[in-house]
Amino acid sequence: MPLARLSVLATLCLAVLPAAAQQIQVSKDNKTISVTTTDEASAVADTAVVSIGFNSFGGEEDATYAKATETSNAIISAITTSGIAKDAIQSQEQSLTPLNPEDFQNKTRYVEGMRFQFSQRWQITVPADQAAHVLQEAITHGANNSGGIDWQLKSDDALQAEAAQKALNHARTIAEHMAQGLGAKLGMLLYASNTIPVVNGIGPRMYSMAAAPAAQHVNLKPLAISPDRITRSATVAAVFAIE
């Protein structure tokens, strides 16, 4: 398998294992083959964590907050009314801050009389096939800073176990070929360890999407969104006896 990285060693002395593992004493009557393989397993994501949010601006602090409150409640009301459970919605950030006139992005707004900015963001966990629906409801009700999706699997542990099993099976196949090359027969599995790589996932990204007045959204259709494919890998070190 091209994905696998192999390290094979036939030994007639002390088998070398990871420091945390036990040491297996071998002799001419107890030969071993050590194999290390890496394999992968993948599946289409069944869960989506959708990031939605909005930014709004105003000239006075109280008026900016009041306008933001209306937008905030309109977004969440639209989402829950559409059938999304309230416990699927988690607040991530909400802030009301003065605009910095020295900030390049705010210079035009400052000239136009804007003095305050309100930002709010949520994460909504739904089945993968509802991601487009959530974005549709949010964006058409004022969520003008939305779009990031973190794709996940409910059975992530099962996918990881599948990767480990594939790596172990591959290790056994390699060991069998090695044993044949040595004129021996592969015996029982004496030791196996599984190393799970650290997943450096990229969190949800936010995309600016301008929300037009509600009347313009009557005939809009949801976005075409496809779930990502989740891949997990595992590295297995296995020691087999040879007879």
C-alpha atoms as a PDB file:
ATOM      1  CA  MET A   1       0.000   0.000   0.000  1.00  0.00           C
ATOM      2  CA  PRO A   2       1.633   3.294  -1.086  1.00  0.00           C
ATOM      3  CA  LEU A   3       0.348   5.132   1.975  1.00  0.00           C
ATOM      4  CA  ALA A   4       2.195   2.885   4.367  1.00  0.00           C
ATOM      5  CA  ARG A   5       5.664   3.667   5.693  1.00  0.00           C
ATOM      6  CA  LEU A   6       7.438   0.431   6.540  1.00  0.00           C
ATOM      7  CA  SER A   7      10.288  -0.440   8.854  1.00  0.00           C
ATOM      8  CA  VAL A   8      11.096  -4.145   9.058  1.00  0.00           C
ATOM      9  CA  LEU A   9      13.688  -5.904  11.204  1.00  0.00           C
ATOM     10  CA  ALA A  10      14.284  -9.616  11.731  1.00  0.00           C
ATOM     11  CA  THR A  11      16.058 -10.178  15.034  1.00  0.00           C
ATOM     12  CA  LEU A  12      18.019 -12.925  16.699  1.00  0.00           C
ATOM     13  CA  CYS A  13      18.743 -10.879  19.814  1.00  0.00           C
ATOM     14  CA  LEU A  14      16.845  -8.622  22.213  1.00  0.00           C
ATOM     15  CA  ALA A  15      13.871  -6.968  20.446  1.00  0.00           C
ATOM     16  CA  VAL A  16      14.040  -3.176  20.699  1.00  0.00           C
ATOM     17  CA  LEU A  17      10.663  -1.642  21.590  1.00  0.00           C
ATOM     18  CA  PRO A  18       9.532   1.829  22.677  1.00  0.00           C
ATOM     19  CA  ALA A  19      10.793   2.847  26.099  1.00  0.00           C
ATOM     20  CA  ALA A  20       7.350   2.550  27.647  1.00  0.00           C
ATOM     21  CA  ALA A  21       6.850  -0.981  26.278  1.00  0.00           C
ATOM     22  CA  GLN A  22       7.950  -4.259  27.734  1.00  0.00           C
ATOM     23  CA  GLN A  23      11.104  -5.939  26.409  1.00  0.00           C
ATOM     24  CA  ILE A  24      10.747  -9.332  24.819  1.00  0.00           C
ATOM     25  CA  GLN A  25      13.711 -11.661  25.375  1.00  0.00           C
ATOM     26  CA  VAL A  26      14.470 -13.697  22.266  1.00  0.00           C
ATOM     27  CA  SER A  27      16.989 -16.371  21.422  1.00  0.00           C
ATOM     28  CA  LYS A  28      17.722 -18.854  18.638  1.00  0.00           C
ATOM     29  CA  ASP A  29      14.616 -20.697  19.761  1.00  0.00           C
ATOM     30  CA  ASN A  30      12.495 -17.550  19.913  1.00  0.00           C
ATOM     31  CA  LYS A  31      13.076 -15.456  16.827  1.00  0.00           C
ATOM     32  CA  THR A  32      11.002 -12.344  16.064  1.00  0.00           C
ATOM     33  CA  ILE A  33      10.131  -9.953  13.282  1.00  0.00           C
ATOM     34  CA  SER A  34       9.378  -6.315  14.101  1.00  0.00           C
ATOM     35  CA  VAL A  35       7.278  -4.274  11.689  1.00  0.00           C
ATOM     36  CA  THR A  36       6.101  -0.651  11.851  1.00  0.00           C
ATOM     37  CA  THR A  37       3.379   0.538   9.473  1.00  0.00           C
ATOM     38  CA  THR A  38       1.218   3.599   9.038  1.00  0.00           C
ATOM     39  CA  ASP A  39      -2.235   3.468   7.471  1.00  0.00           C
ATOM     40  CA  GLU A  40      -5.294   5.670   7.051  1.00  0.00           C
ATOM     41  CA  ALA A  41      -9.063   5.424   7.178  1.00  0.00           C
ATOM     42  CA  SER A  42     -11.539   8.027   5.970  1.00  0.00           C
ATOM     43  CA  ALA A  43     -15.247   8.766   6.007  1.00  0.00           C
ATOM     44  CA  VAL A  44     -17.542  11.598   4.944  1.00  0.00           C
ATOM     45  CA  ALA A  45     -18.298  13.990   7.818  1.00  0.00           C
ATOM     46  CA  ASP A  46     -21.734  13.594   9.382  1.00  0.00           C
ATOM     47  CA  THR A  47     -21.635  16.684  11.622  1.00  0.00           C
ATOM     48  CA  ALA A  48     -21.102  20.376  10.855  1.00  0.00           C
ATOM     49  CA  VAL A  49     -20.134  23.102  13.318  1.00  0.00           C
ATOM     50  CA  VAL A  50     -21.236  26.244  11.478  1.00  0.00           C
ATOM     51  CA  SER A  51     -19.869  29.665  12.421  1.00  0.00           C
ATOM     52  CA  ILE A  52     -22.292  32.545  12.018  1.00  0.00           C
ATOM     53  CA  GLY A  53     -22.065  36.128  13.167  1.00  0.00           C
ATOM     54  CA  PHE A  54     -22.533  39.768  12.273  1.00  0.00           C
ATOM     55  CA  ASN A  55     -20.914  43.185  12.559  1.00  0.00           C
ATOM     56  CA  SER A  56     -22.860  46.426  12.831  1.00  0.00           C
ATOM     57  CA  PHE A  57     -21.895  50.073  13.294  1.00  0.00           C
ATOM     58  CA  GLY A  58     -23.490  53.166  14.774  1.00  0.00           C
ATOM     59  CA  GLY A  59     -22.886  56.758  15.782  1.00  0.00           C
ATOM     60  CA  GLU A  60     -24.070  56.440  19.388  1.00  0.00           C
ATOM     61  CA  GLU A  61     -23.345  53.665  21.861  1.00  0.00           C
ATOM     62  CA  ASP A  62     -26.930  53.006  22.979  1.00  0.00           C
ATOM     63  CA  ALA A  63     -28.304  53.149  19.438  1.00  0.00           C
ATOM     64  CA  THR A  64     -25.586  50.785  18.173  1.00  0.00           C
ATOM     65  CA  TYR A  65     -26.400  48.306  20.922  1.00  0.00           C
ATOM     66  CA  ALA A  66     -30.151  48.555  20.316  1.00  0.00           C
ATOM     67  CA  LYS A  67     -29.750  47.891  16.610  1.00  0.00           C
ATOM     68  CA  ALA A  68     -27.417  44.958  17.320  1.00  0.00           C
ATOM     69  CA  THR A  69     -29.923  43.467  19.745  1.00  0.00           C
ATOM     70  CA  GLU A  70     -32.612  43.458  17.064  1.00  0.00           C
ATOM     71  CA  THR A  71     -30.287  41.773  14.574  1.00  0.00           C
ATOM     72  CA  SER A  72     -29.063  39.248  17.134  1.00  0.00           C
ATOM     73  CA  ASN A  73     -32.564  38.187  18.159  1.00  0.00           C
ATOM     74  CA  ALA A  74     -33.741  38.068  14.543  1.00  0.00           C
ATOM     75  CA  ILE A  75     -30.934  35.678  13.577  1.00  0.00           C
ATOM     76  CA  ILE A  76     -31.441  33.267  16.465  1.00  0.00           C
ATOM     77  CA  SER A  77     -35.233  33.402  16.166  1.00  0.00           C
ATOM     78  CA  ALA A  78     -35.035  32.495  12.476  1.00  0.00           C
ATOM     79  CA  ILE A  79     -32.691  29.575  13.192  1.00  0.00           C
ATOM     80  CA  THR A  80     -34.692  28.096  16.064  1.00  0.00           C
ATOM     81  CA  THR A  81     -37.997  28.615  14.259  1.00  0.00           C
ATOM     82  CA  SER A  82     -36.605  26.608  11.360  1.00  0.00           C
ATOM     83  CA  GLY A  83     -36.196  23.600  13.635  1.00  0.00           C
ATOM     84  CA  ILE A  84     -32.678  23.906  15.072  1.00  0.00           C
ATOM     85  CA  ALA A  85     -32.602  23.100  18.808  1.00  0.00           C
ATOM     86  CA  LYS A  86     -31.468  25.877  21.160  1.00  0.00           C
ATOM     87  CA  ASP A  87     -28.892  23.605  22.790  1.00  0.00           C
ATOM     88  CA  ALA A  88     -27.180  23.259  19.394  1.00  0.00           C
ATOM     89  CA  ILE A  89     -26.285  26.968  19.530  1.00  0.00           C
ATOM     90  CA  GLN A  90     -23.232  28.164  21.469  1.00  0.00           C
ATOM     91  CA  SER A  91     -22.312  31.834  21.869  1.00  0.00           C
ATOM     92  CA  GLN A  92     -18.651  32.482  21.059  1.00  0.00           C
ATOM     93  CA  GLU A  93     -18.180  36.228  21.158  1.00  0.00           C
ATOM     94  CA  GLN A  94     -20.095  39.473  21.646  1.00  0.00           C
ATOM     95  CA  SER A  95     -18.561  42.909  21.965  1.00  0.00           C
ATOM     96  CA  LEU A  96     -19.413  46.598  21.736  1.00  0.00           C
ATOM     97  CA  THR A  97     -16.298  48.712  21.139  1.00  0.00           C
ATOM     98  CA  PRO A  98     -15.420  52.263  20.069  1.00  0.00           C
ATOM     99  CA  LEU A  99     -14.044  52.614  16.548  1.00  0.00           C
ATOM    100  CA  ASN A 100     -10.379  53.506  16.245  1.00  0.00           C
ATOM    101  CA  PRO A 101     -10.135  56.359  13.712  1.00  0.00           C
ATOM    102  CA  GLU A 102      -6.490  55.427  13.065  1.00  0.00           C
ATOM    103  CA  ASP A 103      -7.495  51.983  11.840  1.00  0.00           C
ATOM    104  CA  PHE A 104      -7.404  51.981   8.033  1.00  0.00           C
ATOM    105  CA  GLN A 105     -10.604  49.915   7.792  1.00  0.00           C
ATOM    106  CA  ASN A 106     -12.483  52.372   9.999  1.00  0.00           C
ATOM    107  CA  LYS A 107     -11.434  55.682   8.458  1.00  0.00           C
ATOM    108  CA  THR A 108     -14.321  55.804   5.992  1.00  0.00           C
ATOM    109  CA  ARG A 109     -16.847  54.759   8.641  1.00  0.00           C
ATOM    110  CA  TYR A 110     -15.492  57.408  11.017  1.00  0.00           C
ATOM    111  CA  VAL A 111     -15.920  60.112   8.378  1.00  0.00           C
ATOM    112  CA  GLU A 112     -19.512  58.897   7.889  1.00  0.00           C
ATOM    113  CA  GLY A 113     -20.193  59.426  11.601  1.00  0.00           C
ATOM    114  CA  MET A 114     -19.794  55.865  12.844  1.00  0.00           C
ATOM    115  CA  ARG A 115     -18.236  55.717  16.316  1.00  0.00           C
ATOM    116  CA  PHE A 116     -19.058  52.230  17.645  1.00  0.00           C
ATOM    117  CA  GLN A 117     -18.912  48.673  16.403  1.00  0.00           C
ATOM    118  CA  PHE A 118     -20.851  45.658  17.678  1.00  0.00           C
ATOM    119  CA  SER A 119     -19.775  42.097  16.844  1.00  0.00           C
ATOM    120  CA  GLN A 120     -21.377  38.812  17.774  1.00  0.00           C
ATOM    121  CA  ARG A 121     -20.603  35.224  16.789  1.00  0.00           C
ATOM    122  CA  TRP A 122     -22.094  31.779  17.408  1.00  0.00           C
ATOM    123  CA  GLN A 123     -21.274  28.181  16.581  1.00  0.00           C
ATOM    124  CA  ILE A 124     -24.163  25.909  15.633  1.00  0.00           C
ATOM    125  CA  THR A 125     -23.757  22.129  15.640  1.00  0.00           C
ATOM    126  CA  VAL A 126     -26.052  20.333  13.207  1.00  0.00           C
ATOM    127  CA  PRO A 127     -26.091  17.214  11.014  1.00  0.00           C
ATOM    128  CA  ALA A 128     -23.905  17.773   7.952  1.00  0.00           C
ATOM    129  CA  ASP A 129     -26.848  17.971   5.571  1.00  0.00           C
ATOM    130  CA  GLN A 130     -28.281  20.952   7.512  1.00  0.00           C
ATOM    131  CA  ALA A 131     -25.231  23.217   7.193  1.00  0.00           C
ATOM    132  CA  ALA A 132     -26.524  25.037   4.114  1.00  0.00           C
ATOM    133  CA  HIS A 133     -29.932  25.481   5.752  1.00  0.00           C
ATOM    134  CA  VAL A 134     -28.400  27.108   8.855  1.00  0.00           C
ATOM    135  CA  LEU A 135     -26.341  29.511   6.758  1.00  0.00           C
ATOM    136  CA  GLN A 136     -29.389  30.367   4.644  1.00  0.00           C
ATOM    137  CA  GLU A 137     -31.461  31.303   7.678  1.00  0.00           C
ATOM    138  CA  ALA A 138     -28.639  33.210   9.365  1.00  0.00           C
ATOM    139  CA  ILE A 139     -27.403  35.223   6.394  1.00  0.00           C
ATOM    140  CA  THR A 140     -30.858  36.224   5.208  1.00  0.00           C
ATOM    141  CA  HIS A 141     -31.631  37.599   8.679  1.00  0.00           C
ATOM    142  CA  GLY A 142     -28.532  39.756   9.082  1.00  0.00           C
ATOM    143  CA  ALA A 143     -25.575  37.430   9.802  1.00  0.00           C
ATOM    144  CA  ASN A 144     -23.154  39.272   7.530  1.00  0.00           C
ATOM    145  CA  ASN A 145     -19.996  37.614   8.895  1.00  0.00           C
ATOM    146  CA  SER A 146     -20.707  33.908   8.451  1.00  0.00           C
ATOM    147  CA  GLY A 147     -19.594  30.878   6.504  1.00  0.00           C
ATOM    148  CA  GLY A 148     -16.934  28.889   8.378  1.00  0.00           C
ATOM    149  CA  ILE A 149     -17.699  25.178   8.823  1.00  0.00           C
ATOM    150  CA  ASP A 150     -15.766  22.701  10.958  1.00  0.00           C
ATOM    151  CA  TRP A 151     -16.610  19.217   9.648  1.00  0.00           C
ATOM    152  CA  GLN A 152     -16.638  16.419  12.219  1.00  0.00           C
ATOM    153  CA  LEU A 153     -17.584  12.771  12.785  1.00  0.00           C
ATOM    154  CA  LYS A 154     -19.718  11.520  15.641  1.00  0.00           C
ATOM    155  CA  SER A 155     -17.841   8.207  15.526  1.00  0.00           C
ATOM    156  CA  ASP A 156     -14.319   9.637  15.302  1.00  0.00           C
ATOM    157  CA  ASP A 157     -12.983   6.950  17.665  1.00  0.00           C
ATOM    158  CA  ALA A 158     -14.336   4.240  15.385  1.00  0.00           C
ATOM    159  CA  LEU A 159     -12.533   5.778  12.399  1.00  0.00           C
ATOM    160  CA  GLN A 160      -9.316   5.925  14.398  1.00  0.00           C
ATOM    161  CA  ALA A 161      -9.732   2.270  15.366  1.00  0.00           C
ATOM    162  CA  GLU A 162     -10.273   1.362  11.706  1.00  0.00           C
ATOM    163  CA  ALA A 163      -7.000   3.066  10.773  1.00  0.00           C
ATOM    164  CA  ALA A 164      -5.170   1.160  13.524  1.00  0.00           C
ATOM    165  CA  GLN A 165      -6.668  -2.165  12.414  1.00  0.00           C
ATOM    166  CA  LYS A 166      -5.632  -1.530   8.807  1.00  0.00           C
ATOM    167  CA  ALA A 167      -2.090  -0.716   9.935  1.00  0.00           C
ATOM    168  CA  LEU A 168      -1.917  -3.892  12.042  1.00  0.00           C
ATOM    169  CA  ASN A 169      -3.214  -6.041   9.185  1.00  0.00           C
ATOM    170  CA  HIS A 170      -0.646  -4.501   6.893  1.00  0.00           C
ATOM    171  CA  ALA A 171       2.083  -5.171   9.439  1.00  0.00           C
ATOM    172  CA  ARG A 172       1.070  -8.834   9.569  1.00  0.00           C
ATOM    173  CA  THR A 173       1.193  -9.087   5.758  1.00  0.00           C
ATOM    174  CA  ILE A 174       4.690  -7.601   5.663  1.00  0.00           C
ATOM    175  CA  ALA A 175       5.826  -9.881   8.479  1.00  0.00           C
ATOM    176  CA  GLU A 176       4.522 -12.934   6.621  1.00  0.00           C
ATOM    177  CA  HIS A 177       6.579 -12.019   3.552  1.00  0.00           C
ATOM    178  CA  MET A 178       9.642 -11.479   5.734  1.00  0.00           C
ATOM    179  CA  ALA A 179       9.168 -14.832   7.399  1.00  0.00           C
ATOM    180  CA  GLN A 180       8.932 -16.545   4.017  1.00  0.00           C
ATOM    181  CA  GLY A 181      12.147 -14.824   2.962  1.00  0.00           C
ATOM    182  CA  LEU A 182      13.834 -16.237   6.071  1.00  0.00           C
ATOM    183  CA  GLY A 183      12.518 -19.706   5.369  1.00  0.00           C
ATOM    184  CA  ALA A 184      10.357 -19.558   8.484  1.00  0.00           C
ATOM    185  CA  LYS A 185       6.684 -19.472   9.414  1.00  0.00           C
ATOM    186  CA  LEU A 186       5.049 -16.463  11.031  1.00  0.00           C
ATOM    187  CA  GLY A 187       3.905 -17.144  14.565  1.00  0.00           C
ATOM    188  CA  MET A 188       1.793 -15.314  17.103  1.00  0.00           C
ATOM    189  CA  LEU A 189       1.695 -11.575  17.715  1.00  0.00           C
ATOM    190  CA  LEU A 190       3.883 -10.855  20.754  1.00  0.00           C
ATOM    191  CA  TYR A 191       3.483  -7.096  21.053  1.00  0.00           C
ATOM    192  CA  ALA A 192       1.709  -4.198  19.354  1.00  0.00           C
ATOM    193  CA  SER A 193       1.550  -0.465  20.016  1.00  0.00           C
ATOM    194  CA  ASN A 194      -0.550   2.218  18.372  1.00  0.00           C
ATOM    195  CA  THR A 195       0.643   5.787  17.926  1.00  0.00           C
ATOM    196  CA  ILE A 196      -2.047   8.313  17.009  1.00  0.00           C
ATOM    197  CA  PRO A 197      -0.731  11.395  15.185  1.00  0.00           C
ATOM    198  CA  VAL A 198      -1.670  14.782  16.590  1.00  0.00           C
ATOM    199  CA  VAL A 199      -4.341  16.321  14.386  1.00  0.00           C
ATOM    200  CA  ASN A 200      -3.482  19.944  13.687  1.00  0.00           C
ATOM    201  CA  GLY A 201      -6.934  20.972  12.560  1.00  0.00           C
ATOM    202  CA  ILE A 202      -7.713  24.459  11.368  1.00  0.00           C
ATOM    203  CA  GLY A 203     -10.609  25.963  13.218  1.00  0.00           C
ATOM    204  CA  PRO A 204     -13.633  27.464  11.504  1.00  0.00           C
ATOM    205  CA  ARG A 205     -12.872  30.459   9.348  1.00  0.00           C
ATOM    206  CA  MET A 206     -15.161  33.423   9.038  1.00  0.00           C
ATOM    207  CA  TYR A 207     -16.167  34.800   5.663  1.00  0.00           C
ATOM    208  CA  SER A 208     -17.788  38.179   5.170  1.00  0.00           C
ATOM    209  CA  MET A 209     -21.149  37.968   3.490  1.00  0.00           C
ATOM    210  CA  ALA A 210     -23.184  41.135   3.167  1.00  0.00           C
ATOM    211  CA  ALA A 211     -26.794  40.698   4.224  1.00  0.00           C
ATOM    212  CA  ALA A 212     -29.250  42.569   2.014  1.00  0.00           C
ATOM    213  CA  PRO A 213     -32.714  43.713   3.165  1.00  0.00           C
ATOM    214  CA  ALA A 214     -35.072  40.847   3.955  1.00  0.00           C
ATOM    215  CA  ALA A 215     -37.367  41.606   1.003  1.00  0.00           C
ATOM    216  CA  GLN A 216     -34.582  40.689  -1.403  1.00  0.00           C
ATOM    217  CA  HIS A 217     -34.233  37.163   0.034  1.00  0.00           C
ATOM    218  CA  VAL A 218     -37.640  35.773  -0.940  1.00  0.00           C
ATOM    219  CA  ASN A 219     -36.424  33.651  -3.852  1.00  0.00           C
ATOM    220  CA  LEU A 220     -32.893  32.889  -2.709  1.00  0.00           C
ATOM    221  CA  LYS A 221     -31.852  29.238  -2.504  1.00  0.00           C
ATOM    222  CA  PRO A 222     -29.417  27.676   0.001  1.00  0.00           C
ATOM    223  CA  LEU A 223     -25.754  27.438  -0.936  1.00  0.00           C
ATOM    224  CA  ALA A 224     -24.420  24.250  -2.525  1.00  0.00           C
ATOM    225  CA  ILE A 225     -22.339  22.799   0.316  1.00  0.00           C
ATOM    226  CA  SER A 226     -20.712  19.352   0.430  1.00  0.00           C
ATOM    227  CA  PRO A 227     -19.374  17.720   3.621  1.00  0.00           C
ATOM    228  CA  ASP A 228     -15.638  17.247   3.904  1.00  0.00           C
ATOM    229  CA  ARG A 229     -14.005  13.828   4.076  1.00  0.00           C
ATOM    230  CA  ILE A 230     -12.389  13.132   7.449  1.00  0.00           C
ATOM    231  CA  THR A 231      -9.148  11.124   7.459  1.00  0.00           C
ATOM    232  CA  ARG A 232      -7.427   9.584  10.462  1.00  0.00           C
ATOM    233  CA  SER A 233      -4.091   7.772  10.508  1.00  0.00           C
ATOM    234  CA  ALA A 234      -2.410   5.400  12.916  1.00  0.00           C
ATOM    235  CA  THR A 235       1.110   4.005  13.235  1.00  0.00           C
ATOM    236  CA  VAL A 236       1.360   0.477  14.604  1.00  0.00           C
ATOM    237  CA  ALA A 237       4.574  -1.203  15.794  1.00  0.00           C
ATOM    238  CA  ALA A 238       4.128  -4.975  15.943  1.00  0.00           C
ATOM    239  CA  VAL A 239       6.438  -7.804  16.966  1.00  0.00           C
ATOM    240  CA  PHE A 240       5.672 -11.329  15.710  1.00  0.00           C
ATOM    241  CA  ALA A 241       7.271 -14.616  16.628  1.00  0.00           C
ATOM    242  CA  ILE A 242       8.672 -16.718  13.785  1.00  0.00           C
ATOM    243  CA  GLU A 243       8.890 -20.474  13.874  1.00  0.00           C
END
